[in-house]
Each structure stands twice: as C-alpha cells, then as structure tokens.
Amino acid sequence: MTQKKLYIPSLLGTNRKDRQSQHVAQWVHSEMEKRDEIDTKLFDVRDFDLPHDNYGQELKDEFPEWRDAIIKADGLVIVTPEYNHGYPGALKSVLDLLLKEYIHKAVAFVGVSAGPWGGTRVIEASVPMVRELGLTVTFTDLNFPKVAAKFDDAGKLLDEAYEKRVQGFLDELIWMSQTLRWGRENLPSKFH
C-alpha cells in the first residue's frame, strides 16, 4: 500500500529554564526527520504566548500554526518531563487549545525524568487526558531516565541503545498513524 507521507508534528511540553527534555525533543525530532514516511515539525510550549486569564478552545484561532498542524496531522509525538508524577501545566494548556482536531489520530509519548523511572508516571497520568481529547495512544513509549547522563551539554546523545529503541517507537507510531488515517478516510464517523 503506497501512501503519501504522514504528517506527525512533535511537541516539547515544558517551558522551564535549563530543561533537559529539550535535548530529548531535538534528538527525537531529528530521528523523525530521517524517516521517509514522516514529515514533521517541532513545536515548543515555550513559543505559545498563552494568556494568564483565559485558555481553551476559544483561543485556537490565535494559534493558527498549531491549529493547522493538528488539523493536517496524522499523529503527534509529545515529549514531556515528569514533574511530581504529573505533566507540566503548560503542556495541558497548549493541548487544550484544540479538541475535535485530535480525534482518531495517534499520539506517542517520550517521557523524561531526572530519576530512574524515565517519565513512566507522567505518561500514565497523560493517557486519560489525551484519550479525552480523542487521541489514540501507541503502546511503545520512549523513556529517558536520568536524562542528564544521556546527553552531553551540546545535546549529543551519549547512550547508543536509544538508536535502536527509537526505531521501534517510530515503527509503531507510523503503523498506528497509517491505520488511523485509513480509518478517517474510509470509514464513516460522526467526528469527521
């Protein structure tokens, strides 16, 4: 089955200073760019100038690049650190800008932590939230425990094991994204 490229943007989900997850997001994005099946763009919650007194879907037209990317998207990669067993508020605020645009699209998580769990708990906390948005979660996560030891100061990956792990992660994301795109295009649904 020959298909056009999948459009799968990625989103770096934290705006904190000195964030270690930035190296992860840039590396994962570069790996996505190497795949012939994927067209991608890296978004960063830091670039969203969200108002402090309002948020949600009524603001989606104020962020047309994000809105249009998700409308076009076949899937999404979320790179998120774990903060106190949960996800960053900035990530939730950006995701909440849209709703129906996510329905029946794949989402894959890259978890990041300073400790030994590699963001497992933030992924577990995020699954019910993205499910409510209509996204379909892949079962192959990519976890970066003790992230400070995985990259040098310039963002160069130090642990070669991730070269193989990211391939399985992307293979599953591509399969899910292709399958869901076929479904959106060929099966009637009240959502699209």
N, C-alpha and C. Protein backbone atom coordinates (compact mmCIF):
# COMPACT_ATOMS: atom_id res chain seq x y z
N MET A 1 0.85 -1.17 0.00
CA MET A 1 0.00 0.00 0.00
C MET A 1 0.90 1.23 0.00
N THR A 2 0.89 1.97 -1.09
CA THR A 2 1.68 3.19 -1.20
C THR A 2 0.83 4.36 -0.70
N GLN A 3 1.40 5.13 0.20
CA GLN A 3 0.67 6.26 0.76
C GLN A 3 1.56 7.49 0.77
N LYS A 4 0.91 8.64 0.82
CA LYS A 4 1.66 9.88 0.97
C LYS A 4 2.29 9.90 2.36
N LYS A 5 3.25 10.77 2.53
CA LYS A 5 3.92 10.88 3.83
C LYS A 5 2.93 11.19 4.93
N LEU A 6 3.25 10.69 6.09
CA LEU A 6 2.48 11.01 7.28
C LEU A 6 2.99 12.33 7.85
N TYR A 7 2.08 13.18 8.25
CA TYR A 7 2.48 14.41 8.93
C TYR A 7 2.33 14.18 10.43
N ILE A 8 3.46 14.17 11.13
CA ILE A 8 3.48 13.89 12.56
C ILE A 8 4.33 14.94 13.25
N PRO A 9 3.70 16.02 13.73
CA PRO A 9 4.46 17.01 14.48
C PRO A 9 4.83 16.47 15.87
N SER A 10 5.78 17.12 16.50
CA SER A 10 6.11 16.78 17.88
C SER A 10 6.00 18.04 18.73
N LEU A 11 5.78 17.84 20.01
CA LEU A 11 5.56 18.94 20.94
C LEU A 11 6.43 18.75 22.17
N LEU A 12 7.29 19.71 22.44
CA LEU A 12 8.08 19.73 23.67
C LEU A 12 7.20 20.38 24.73
N GLY A 13 6.91 19.64 25.79
CA GLY A 13 5.87 20.02 26.73
C GLY A 13 6.26 20.77 27.97
N THR A 14 7.41 21.38 28.04
CA THR A 14 7.78 22.16 29.22
C THR A 14 8.44 23.47 28.82
N ASN A 15 8.20 24.49 29.63
CA ASN A 15 8.82 25.79 29.37
C ASN A 15 9.82 26.18 30.45
N ARG A 16 10.21 25.25 31.30
CA ARG A 16 11.16 25.56 32.38
C ARG A 16 12.54 25.92 31.85
N LYS A 17 13.24 26.73 32.62
CA LYS A 17 14.64 27.05 32.30
C LYS A 17 15.48 25.79 32.49
N ASP A 18 16.57 25.71 31.74
CA ASP A 18 17.53 24.61 31.85
C ASP A 18 16.87 23.24 31.72
N ARG A 19 15.88 23.14 30.89
CA ARG A 19 15.14 21.88 30.71
C ARG A 19 15.98 20.85 29.98
N GLN A 20 16.15 19.70 30.58
CA GLN A 20 16.89 18.59 29.97
C GLN A 20 16.09 17.96 28.83
N SER A 21 14.79 18.10 28.87
CA SER A 21 13.95 17.48 27.85
C SER A 21 14.11 18.14 26.48
N GLN A 22 14.72 19.31 26.42
CA GLN A 22 14.95 19.96 25.13
C GLN A 22 15.90 19.13 24.27
N HIS A 23 16.95 18.58 24.87
CA HIS A 23 17.86 17.71 24.11
C HIS A 23 17.11 16.49 23.58
N VAL A 24 16.25 15.93 24.41
CA VAL A 24 15.48 14.76 24.01
C VAL A 24 14.58 15.11 22.82
N ALA A 25 13.84 16.20 22.94
CA ALA A 25 12.91 16.59 21.88
C ALA A 25 13.64 16.84 20.56
N GLN A 26 14.76 17.50 20.63
CA GLN A 26 15.51 17.79 19.40
C GLN A 26 16.06 16.50 18.78
N TRP A 27 16.53 15.59 19.63
CA TRP A 27 17.06 14.33 19.11
C TRP A 27 15.95 13.48 18.49
N VAL A 28 14.82 13.34 19.18
CA VAL A 28 13.70 12.56 18.64
C VAL A 28 13.22 13.18 17.33
N HIS A 29 13.12 14.50 17.30
CA HIS A 29 12.70 15.18 16.08
C HIS A 29 13.67 14.89 14.93
N SER A 30 14.97 14.91 15.20
CA SER A 30 15.95 14.62 14.15
C SER A 30 15.82 13.17 13.66
N GLU A 31 15.47 12.26 14.55
CA GLU A 31 15.25 10.87 14.15
C GLU A 31 13.99 10.74 13.29
N MET A 32 12.97 11.51 13.62
CA MET A 32 11.75 11.51 12.81
C MET A 32 12.03 12.04 11.41
N GLU A 33 12.87 13.06 11.31
CA GLU A 33 13.20 13.64 10.01
C GLU A 33 13.94 12.65 9.12
N LYS A 34 14.61 11.67 9.69
CA LYS A 34 15.35 10.68 8.91
C LYS A 34 14.41 9.65 8.25
N ARG A 35 13.19 9.56 8.73
CA ARG A 35 12.27 8.55 8.24
C ARG A 35 11.56 9.05 6.98
N ASP A 36 11.62 8.27 5.91
CA ASP A 36 10.99 8.64 4.64
C ASP A 36 9.48 8.76 4.75
N GLU A 37 8.88 8.06 5.70
CA GLU A 37 7.43 8.04 5.83
C GLU A 37 6.87 9.26 6.54
N ILE A 38 7.75 10.06 7.16
CA ILE A 38 7.30 11.13 8.06
C ILE A 38 7.72 12.51 7.56
N ASP A 39 6.77 13.42 7.62
CA ASP A 39 7.02 14.85 7.51
C ASP A 39 6.71 15.40 8.91
N THR A 40 7.55 16.27 9.45
CA THR A 40 7.37 16.67 10.84
C THR A 40 7.76 18.11 11.08
N LYS A 41 7.35 18.62 12.22
CA LYS A 41 7.74 19.95 12.71
C LYS A 41 7.76 19.87 14.22
N LEU A 42 8.76 20.50 14.83
CA LEU A 42 8.88 20.52 16.29
C LEU A 42 8.23 21.80 16.83
N PHE A 43 7.24 21.62 17.69
CA PHE A 43 6.62 22.73 18.40
C PHE A 43 7.13 22.72 19.83
N ASP A 44 7.11 23.90 20.46
CA ASP A 44 7.63 24.07 21.81
C ASP A 44 6.62 24.90 22.60
N VAL A 45 6.16 24.39 23.75
CA VAL A 45 5.17 25.14 24.52
C VAL A 45 5.70 26.52 24.92
N ARG A 46 7.01 26.67 24.96
CA ARG A 46 7.62 27.95 25.29
C ARG A 46 7.25 29.04 24.27
N ASP A 47 6.93 28.63 23.05
CA ASP A 47 6.62 29.58 21.98
C ASP A 47 5.15 30.01 21.95
N PHE A 48 4.33 29.43 22.82
CA PHE A 48 2.91 29.78 22.88
C PHE A 48 2.73 30.87 23.93
N ASP A 49 2.33 32.04 23.50
CA ASP A 49 2.10 33.15 24.42
C ASP A 49 0.66 33.07 24.92
N LEU A 50 0.45 32.18 25.88
CA LEU A 50 -0.89 31.94 26.39
C LEU A 50 -1.28 33.02 27.39
N PRO A 51 -2.51 33.51 27.33
CA PRO A 51 -2.95 34.50 28.31
C PRO A 51 -3.06 33.86 29.69
N HIS A 52 -2.90 34.65 30.71
CA HIS A 52 -2.94 34.13 32.08
C HIS A 52 -4.36 34.07 32.64
N ASP A 53 -5.30 34.70 31.95
CA ASP A 53 -6.66 34.75 32.49
C ASP A 53 -7.68 34.01 31.63
N ASN A 54 -7.20 33.28 30.62
CA ASN A 54 -8.12 32.56 29.75
C ASN A 54 -7.34 31.51 28.97
N TYR A 55 -7.96 30.39 28.69
CA TYR A 55 -7.36 29.39 27.82
C TYR A 55 -8.45 28.45 27.35
N GLY A 56 -8.12 27.62 26.41
CA GLY A 56 -9.08 26.66 25.90
C GLY A 56 -9.35 26.86 24.42
N GLN A 57 -10.34 26.13 23.94
CA GLN A 57 -10.62 26.06 22.51
C GLN A 57 -11.00 27.40 21.90
N GLU A 58 -11.55 28.32 22.69
CA GLU A 58 -11.92 29.62 22.13
C GLU A 58 -10.71 30.41 21.65
N LEU A 59 -9.51 29.98 22.03
CA LEU A 59 -8.28 30.67 21.62
C LEU A 59 -7.58 30.02 20.43
N LYS A 60 -8.13 28.93 19.90
CA LYS A 60 -7.41 28.18 18.87
C LYS A 60 -7.05 29.01 17.64
N ASP A 61 -7.87 29.97 17.30
CA ASP A 61 -7.57 30.80 16.13
C ASP A 61 -6.45 31.80 16.39
N GLU A 62 -6.07 31.98 17.64
CA GLU A 62 -4.93 32.83 17.97
C GLU A 62 -3.60 32.09 17.80
N PHE A 63 -3.69 30.79 17.56
CA PHE A 63 -2.50 29.95 17.35
C PHE A 63 -2.69 29.15 16.07
N PRO A 64 -2.78 29.85 14.93
CA PRO A 64 -3.13 29.16 13.68
C PRO A 64 -2.10 28.13 13.23
N GLU A 65 -0.83 28.35 13.51
CA GLU A 65 0.18 27.37 13.07
C GLU A 65 -0.04 26.02 13.78
N TRP A 66 -0.32 26.07 15.08
CA TRP A 66 -0.60 24.85 15.85
C TRP A 66 -1.92 24.23 15.38
N ARG A 67 -2.95 25.04 15.29
CA ARG A 67 -4.26 24.55 14.86
C ARG A 67 -4.16 23.85 13.51
N ASP A 68 -3.53 24.51 12.54
CA ASP A 68 -3.44 23.94 11.19
C ASP A 68 -2.55 22.70 11.15
N ALA A 69 -1.52 22.68 11.98
CA ALA A 69 -0.66 21.49 12.04
C ALA A 69 -1.43 20.28 12.54
N ILE A 70 -2.25 20.48 13.56
CA ILE A 70 -3.01 19.36 14.11
C ILE A 70 -4.15 18.95 13.19
N ILE A 71 -4.75 19.89 12.51
CA ILE A 71 -5.78 19.53 11.51
C ILE A 71 -5.15 18.63 10.44
N LYS A 72 -3.97 18.98 9.98
CA LYS A 72 -3.26 18.22 8.94
C LYS A 72 -2.65 16.92 9.49
N ALA A 73 -2.38 16.87 10.77
CA ALA A 73 -1.60 15.78 11.37
C ALA A 73 -2.26 14.42 11.27
N ASP A 74 -1.42 13.41 11.13
CA ASP A 74 -1.83 12.01 11.22
C ASP A 74 -1.49 11.44 12.59
N GLY A 75 -0.63 12.11 13.31
CA GLY A 75 -0.23 11.66 14.64
C GLY A 75 0.49 12.80 15.33
N LEU A 76 0.93 12.53 16.54
CA LEU A 76 1.60 13.53 17.36
C LEU A 76 2.57 12.82 18.30
N VAL A 77 3.74 13.42 18.48
CA VAL A 77 4.69 12.95 19.50
C VAL A 77 4.74 14.02 20.58
N ILE A 78 4.56 13.59 21.81
CA ILE A 78 4.66 14.50 22.95
C ILE A 78 5.88 14.12 23.77
N VAL A 79 6.79 15.07 23.92
CA VAL A 79 7.97 14.90 24.77
C VAL A 79 7.70 15.67 26.05
N THR A 80 7.62 14.94 27.15
CA THR A 80 7.25 15.60 28.40
C THR A 80 8.08 15.11 29.58
N PRO A 81 8.54 16.03 30.39
CA PRO A 81 9.18 15.65 31.63
C PRO A 81 8.13 15.31 32.67
N GLU A 82 8.56 14.61 33.68
CA GLU A 82 7.69 14.27 34.81
C GLU A 82 7.96 15.25 35.94
N TYR A 83 6.94 15.98 36.34
CA TYR A 83 7.04 16.91 37.47
C TYR A 83 6.09 16.42 38.55
N ASN A 84 6.66 15.91 39.64
CA ASN A 84 5.84 15.44 40.76
C ASN A 84 4.77 14.44 40.31
N HIS A 85 5.18 13.47 39.51
CA HIS A 85 4.35 12.39 38.99
C HIS A 85 3.32 12.86 37.97
N GLY A 86 3.41 14.09 37.49
CA GLY A 86 2.42 14.60 36.55
C GLY A 86 3.04 15.33 35.39
N TYR A 87 2.17 15.88 34.55
CA TYR A 87 2.61 16.60 33.36
C TYR A 87 2.63 18.10 33.64
N PRO A 88 3.43 18.83 32.89
CA PRO A 88 3.52 20.28 33.06
C PRO A 88 2.21 20.97 32.70
N GLY A 89 1.88 22.02 33.44
CA GLY A 89 0.68 22.79 33.16
C GLY A 89 0.70 23.42 31.78
N ALA A 90 1.87 23.86 31.33
CA ALA A 90 1.97 24.48 30.00
C ALA A 90 1.59 23.48 28.90
N LEU A 91 1.97 22.22 29.07
CA LEU A 91 1.60 21.19 28.10
C LEU A 91 0.09 21.04 28.03
N LYS A 92 -0.54 20.93 29.17
CA LYS A 92 -2.00 20.79 29.22
C LYS A 92 -2.68 22.00 28.60
N SER A 93 -2.19 23.20 28.88
CA SER A 93 -2.79 24.41 28.33
C SER A 93 -2.71 24.43 26.81
N VAL A 94 -1.58 24.04 26.25
CA VAL A 94 -1.44 24.01 24.79
C VAL A 94 -2.34 22.94 24.19
N LEU A 95 -2.36 21.75 24.77
CA LEU A 95 -3.23 20.69 24.24
C LEU A 95 -4.70 21.10 24.29
N ASP A 96 -5.10 21.82 25.33
CA ASP A 96 -6.49 22.23 25.49
C ASP A 96 -6.94 23.30 24.50
N LEU A 97 -6.03 23.81 23.68
CA LEU A 97 -6.43 24.79 22.67
C LEU A 97 -7.31 24.16 21.59
N LEU A 98 -7.23 22.84 21.45
CA LEU A 98 -7.97 22.14 20.40
C LEU A 98 -8.74 20.98 21.03
N LEU A 99 -9.65 20.42 20.25
CA LEU A 99 -10.35 19.22 20.71
C LEU A 99 -10.67 18.31 19.52
N LYS A 100 -11.65 18.68 18.72
CA LYS A 100 -12.07 17.79 17.63
C LYS A 100 -10.94 17.54 16.63
N GLU A 101 -9.97 18.44 16.57
CA GLU A 101 -8.85 18.29 15.63
C GLU A 101 -7.98 17.07 15.95
N TYR A 102 -8.04 16.57 17.19
CA TYR A 102 -7.22 15.43 17.60
C TYR A 102 -7.88 14.07 17.34
N ILE A 103 -9.17 14.07 17.14
CA ILE A 103 -9.93 12.81 17.17
C ILE A 103 -9.44 11.82 16.12
N HIS A 104 -9.25 10.59 16.59
CA HIS A 104 -8.82 9.45 15.77
C HIS A 104 -7.44 9.66 15.15
N LYS A 105 -6.54 10.26 15.92
CA LYS A 105 -5.15 10.41 15.50
C LYS A 105 -4.25 9.78 16.56
N ALA A 106 -3.12 9.27 16.15
CA ALA A 106 -2.20 8.59 17.06
C ALA A 106 -1.38 9.60 17.86
N VAL A 107 -1.05 9.22 19.07
CA VAL A 107 -0.12 10.01 19.89
C VAL A 107 0.87 9.05 20.54
N ALA A 108 2.13 9.43 20.51
CA ALA A 108 3.18 8.64 21.14
C ALA A 108 3.90 9.52 22.14
N PHE A 109 4.26 8.93 23.28
CA PHE A 109 4.88 9.68 24.36
C PHE A 109 6.36 9.37 24.52
N VAL A 110 7.10 10.44 24.77
CA VAL A 110 8.50 10.35 25.16
C VAL A 110 8.57 10.93 26.57
N GLY A 111 8.85 10.07 27.55
CA GLY A 111 8.91 10.50 28.94
C GLY A 111 10.34 10.81 29.35
N VAL A 112 10.48 11.86 30.15
CA VAL A 112 11.80 12.32 30.58
C VAL A 112 11.78 12.52 32.08
N SER A 113 12.82 12.04 32.77
CA SER A 113 12.92 12.32 34.20
C SER A 113 14.37 12.37 34.65
N ALA A 114 14.58 13.08 35.74
CA ALA A 114 15.91 13.13 36.35
C ALA A 114 16.19 11.84 37.11
N GLY A 115 15.14 11.18 37.53
CA GLY A 115 15.27 9.95 38.31
C GLY A 115 15.23 8.69 37.46
N PRO A 116 15.06 7.53 38.11
CA PRO A 116 15.20 6.25 37.43
C PRO A 116 13.99 5.78 36.62
N TRP A 117 12.86 6.47 36.67
CA TRP A 117 11.65 5.94 36.03
C TRP A 117 11.45 6.41 34.60
N GLY A 118 12.16 7.39 34.16
CA GLY A 118 12.11 7.79 32.76
C GLY A 118 10.79 8.37 32.29
N GLY A 119 10.06 8.98 33.20
CA GLY A 119 8.80 9.58 32.80
C GLY A 119 7.64 8.62 32.71
N THR A 120 7.79 7.41 33.24
CA THR A 120 6.70 6.43 33.20
C THR A 120 5.44 6.98 33.84
N ARG A 121 5.60 7.65 34.98
CA ARG A 121 4.41 8.14 35.69
C ARG A 121 3.74 9.30 34.96
N VAL A 122 4.51 10.15 34.29
CA VAL A 122 3.87 11.24 33.54
C VAL A 122 3.11 10.69 32.35
N ILE A 123 3.61 9.64 31.74
CA ILE A 123 2.88 9.01 30.64
C ILE A 123 1.60 8.39 31.16
N GLU A 124 1.68 7.69 32.28
CA GLU A 124 0.47 7.10 32.87
C GLU A 124 -0.56 8.18 33.20
N ALA A 125 -0.11 9.32 33.70
CA ALA A 125 -1.02 10.41 34.04
C ALA A 125 -1.60 11.08 32.79
N SER A 126 -0.86 11.05 31.70
CA SER A 126 -1.29 11.72 30.48
C SER A 126 -2.28 10.92 29.66
N VAL A 127 -2.25 9.60 29.77
CA VAL A 127 -3.10 8.76 28.92
C VAL A 127 -4.59 9.10 29.07
N PRO A 128 -5.14 9.20 30.28
CA PRO A 128 -6.57 9.55 30.36
C PRO A 128 -6.88 10.93 29.77
N MET A 129 -5.96 11.86 29.92
CA MET A 129 -6.17 13.21 29.41
C MET A 129 -6.20 13.21 27.88
N VAL A 130 -5.25 12.57 27.22
CA VAL A 130 -5.23 12.58 25.76
C VAL A 130 -6.36 11.72 25.19
N ARG A 131 -6.75 10.70 25.93
CA ARG A 131 -7.89 9.89 25.50
C ARG A 131 -9.14 10.74 25.44
N GLU A 132 -9.33 11.62 26.41
CA GLU A 132 -10.48 12.52 26.41
C GLU A 132 -10.43 13.48 25.23
N LEU A 133 -9.24 13.80 24.76
CA LEU A 133 -9.10 14.66 23.58
C LEU A 133 -9.40 13.91 22.28
N GLY A 134 -9.48 12.59 22.33
CA GLY A 134 -9.77 11.79 21.15
C GLY A 134 -8.56 11.16 20.51
N LEU A 135 -7.38 11.35 21.12
CA LEU A 135 -6.15 10.77 20.59
C LEU A 135 -6.06 9.29 20.96
N THR A 136 -5.38 8.51 20.14
CA THR A 136 -5.17 7.08 20.37
C THR A 136 -3.70 6.86 20.70
N VAL A 137 -3.45 6.34 21.89
CA VAL A 137 -2.08 6.21 22.40
C VAL A 137 -1.42 4.93 21.88
N THR A 138 -0.20 5.06 21.38
CA THR A 138 0.57 3.89 21.00
C THR A 138 1.02 3.16 22.27
N PHE A 139 1.40 1.91 22.14
CA PHE A 139 1.84 1.17 23.32
C PHE A 139 3.35 1.16 23.47
N THR A 140 4.06 1.76 22.53
CA THR A 140 5.52 1.80 22.59
C THR A 140 5.96 3.20 22.98
N ASP A 141 6.29 3.36 24.25
CA ASP A 141 6.79 4.65 24.74
C ASP A 141 8.31 4.68 24.61
N LEU A 142 8.84 5.87 24.71
CA LEU A 142 10.29 6.05 24.75
C LEU A 142 10.61 6.78 26.04
N ASN A 143 11.38 6.14 26.91
CA ASN A 143 11.64 6.68 28.24
C ASN A 143 13.11 7.05 28.40
N PHE A 144 13.32 8.22 28.99
CA PHE A 144 14.67 8.72 29.25
C PHE A 144 14.86 8.94 30.76
N PRO A 145 15.23 7.88 31.50
CA PRO A 145 15.55 8.07 32.92
C PRO A 145 16.93 8.71 33.07
N LYS A 146 17.12 9.38 34.20
CA LYS A 146 18.41 10.02 34.48
C LYS A 146 18.92 10.75 33.24
N VAL A 147 18.06 11.61 32.72
CA VAL A 147 18.28 12.23 31.42
C VAL A 147 19.59 13.00 31.33
N ALA A 148 20.06 13.55 32.42
CA ALA A 148 21.31 14.33 32.39
C ALA A 148 22.50 13.49 31.95
N ALA A 149 22.43 12.18 32.14
CA ALA A 149 23.52 11.29 31.75
C ALA A 149 23.37 10.78 30.31
N LYS A 150 22.27 11.10 29.66
CA LYS A 150 22.01 10.58 28.32
C LYS A 150 22.54 11.49 27.20
N PHE A 151 22.77 12.77 27.52
CA PHE A 151 23.22 13.74 26.52
C PHE A 151 24.35 14.57 27.10
N ASP A 152 25.24 15.03 26.21
CA ASP A 152 26.26 15.97 26.68
C ASP A 152 25.66 17.38 26.68
N ASP A 153 26.43 18.37 27.07
CA ASP A 153 25.92 19.74 27.18
C ASP A 153 25.48 20.32 25.84
N ALA A 154 26.02 19.80 24.75
CA ALA A 154 25.65 20.28 23.41
C ALA A 154 24.44 19.55 22.84
N GLY A 155 23.90 18.56 23.58
CA GLY A 155 22.74 17.82 23.12
C GLY A 155 23.06 16.57 22.33
N LYS A 156 24.32 16.13 22.35
CA LYS A 156 24.71 14.91 21.63
C LYS A 156 24.33 13.70 22.49
N LEU A 157 23.65 12.73 21.87
CA LEU A 157 23.25 11.52 22.56
C LEU A 157 24.46 10.72 22.97
N LEU A 158 24.50 10.28 24.23
CA LEU A 158 25.63 9.51 24.74
C LEU A 158 25.32 8.02 24.87
N ASP A 159 24.06 7.65 24.87
CA ASP A 159 23.66 6.25 25.07
C ASP A 159 23.16 5.68 23.74
N GLU A 160 24.00 4.86 23.11
CA GLU A 160 23.69 4.33 21.78
C GLU A 160 22.50 3.38 21.76
N ALA A 161 22.08 2.87 22.90
CA ALA A 161 20.92 1.97 22.95
C ALA A 161 19.66 2.65 22.42
N TYR A 162 19.62 3.97 22.51
CA TYR A 162 18.43 4.69 22.04
C TYR A 162 18.30 4.69 20.53
N GLU A 163 19.39 4.46 19.81
CA GLU A 163 19.32 4.39 18.36
C GLU A 163 18.37 3.27 17.92
N LYS A 164 18.41 2.13 18.61
CA LYS A 164 17.51 1.02 18.29
C LYS A 164 16.12 1.26 18.88
N ARG A 165 16.05 1.76 20.11
CA ARG A 165 14.76 1.99 20.76
C ARG A 165 13.88 2.95 19.97
N VAL A 166 14.49 4.01 19.45
CA VAL A 166 13.68 5.00 18.74
C VAL A 166 13.10 4.41 17.46
N GLN A 167 13.77 3.44 16.86
CA GLN A 167 13.24 2.84 15.64
C GLN A 167 11.95 2.07 15.92
N GLY A 168 11.92 1.28 16.99
CA GLY A 168 10.70 0.58 17.37
C GLY A 168 9.58 1.53 17.74
N PHE A 169 9.94 2.59 18.44
CA PHE A 169 8.99 3.63 18.82
C PHE A 169 8.36 4.25 17.58
N LEU A 170 9.18 4.61 16.60
CA LEU A 170 8.67 5.23 15.38
C LEU A 170 7.93 4.24 14.48
N ASP A 171 8.39 2.99 14.44
CA ASP A 171 7.69 1.97 13.66
C ASP A 171 6.24 1.84 14.13
N GLU A 172 6.04 1.76 15.43
CA GLU A 172 4.69 1.63 15.99
C GLU A 172 3.87 2.88 15.71
N LEU A 173 4.47 4.05 15.87
CA LEU A 173 3.77 5.31 15.61
C LEU A 173 3.35 5.40 14.14
N ILE A 174 4.21 5.01 13.24
CA ILE A 174 3.89 5.03 11.81
C ILE A 174 2.74 4.08 11.51
N TRP A 175 2.79 2.87 12.06
CA TRP A 175 1.72 1.90 11.82
C TRP A 175 0.38 2.43 12.32
N MET A 176 0.36 2.95 13.55
CA MET A 176 -0.88 3.49 14.12
C MET A 176 -1.38 4.69 13.32
N SER A 177 -0.47 5.56 12.94
CA SER A 177 -0.87 6.76 12.19
C SER A 177 -1.44 6.39 10.82
N GLN A 178 -0.82 5.42 10.13
CA GLN A 178 -1.33 4.97 8.83
C GLN A 178 -2.70 4.31 8.98
N THR A 179 -2.83 3.49 9.98
CA THR A 179 -4.09 2.77 10.20
C THR A 179 -5.22 3.74 10.52
N LEU A 180 -4.96 4.68 11.39
CA LEU A 180 -5.99 5.65 11.75
C LEU A 180 -6.31 6.60 10.60
N ARG A 181 -5.30 6.95 9.81
CA ARG A 181 -5.58 7.79 8.64
C ARG A 181 -6.50 7.05 7.67
N TRP A 182 -6.20 5.76 7.43
CA TRP A 182 -7.06 4.96 6.55
C TRP A 182 -8.49 4.96 7.10
N GLY A 183 -8.62 4.78 8.39
CA GLY A 183 -9.95 4.78 9.00
C GLY A 183 -10.67 6.11 8.85
N ARG A 184 -9.97 7.20 9.09
CA ARG A 184 -10.59 8.53 8.95
C ARG A 184 -11.04 8.77 7.51
N GLU A 185 -10.26 8.26 6.55
CA GLU A 185 -10.56 8.49 5.14
C GLU A 185 -11.60 7.53 4.57
N ASN A 186 -11.77 6.37 5.19
CA ASN A 186 -12.60 5.33 4.58
C ASN A 186 -13.79 4.85 5.38
N LEU A 187 -13.85 5.15 6.66
CA LEU A 187 -14.94 4.67 7.49
C LEU A 187 -15.74 5.84 8.02
N PRO A 188 -17.06 5.80 7.84
CA PRO A 188 -17.89 6.90 8.32
C PRO A 188 -17.78 7.06 9.84
N SER A 189 -17.77 8.30 10.29
CA SER A 189 -17.73 8.60 11.72
C SER A 189 -18.40 9.94 11.94
N LYS A 190 -19.06 10.08 13.04
CA LYS A 190 -19.71 11.36 13.35
C LYS A 190 -18.68 12.43 13.69
N PHE A 191 -17.41 12.06 13.84
CA PHE A 191 -16.38 13.00 14.25
C PHE A 191 -15.63 13.64 13.08
N HIS A 192 -15.73 13.07 11.87
CA HIS A 192 -15.03 13.67 10.73
C HIS A 192 -15.74 13.37 9.44
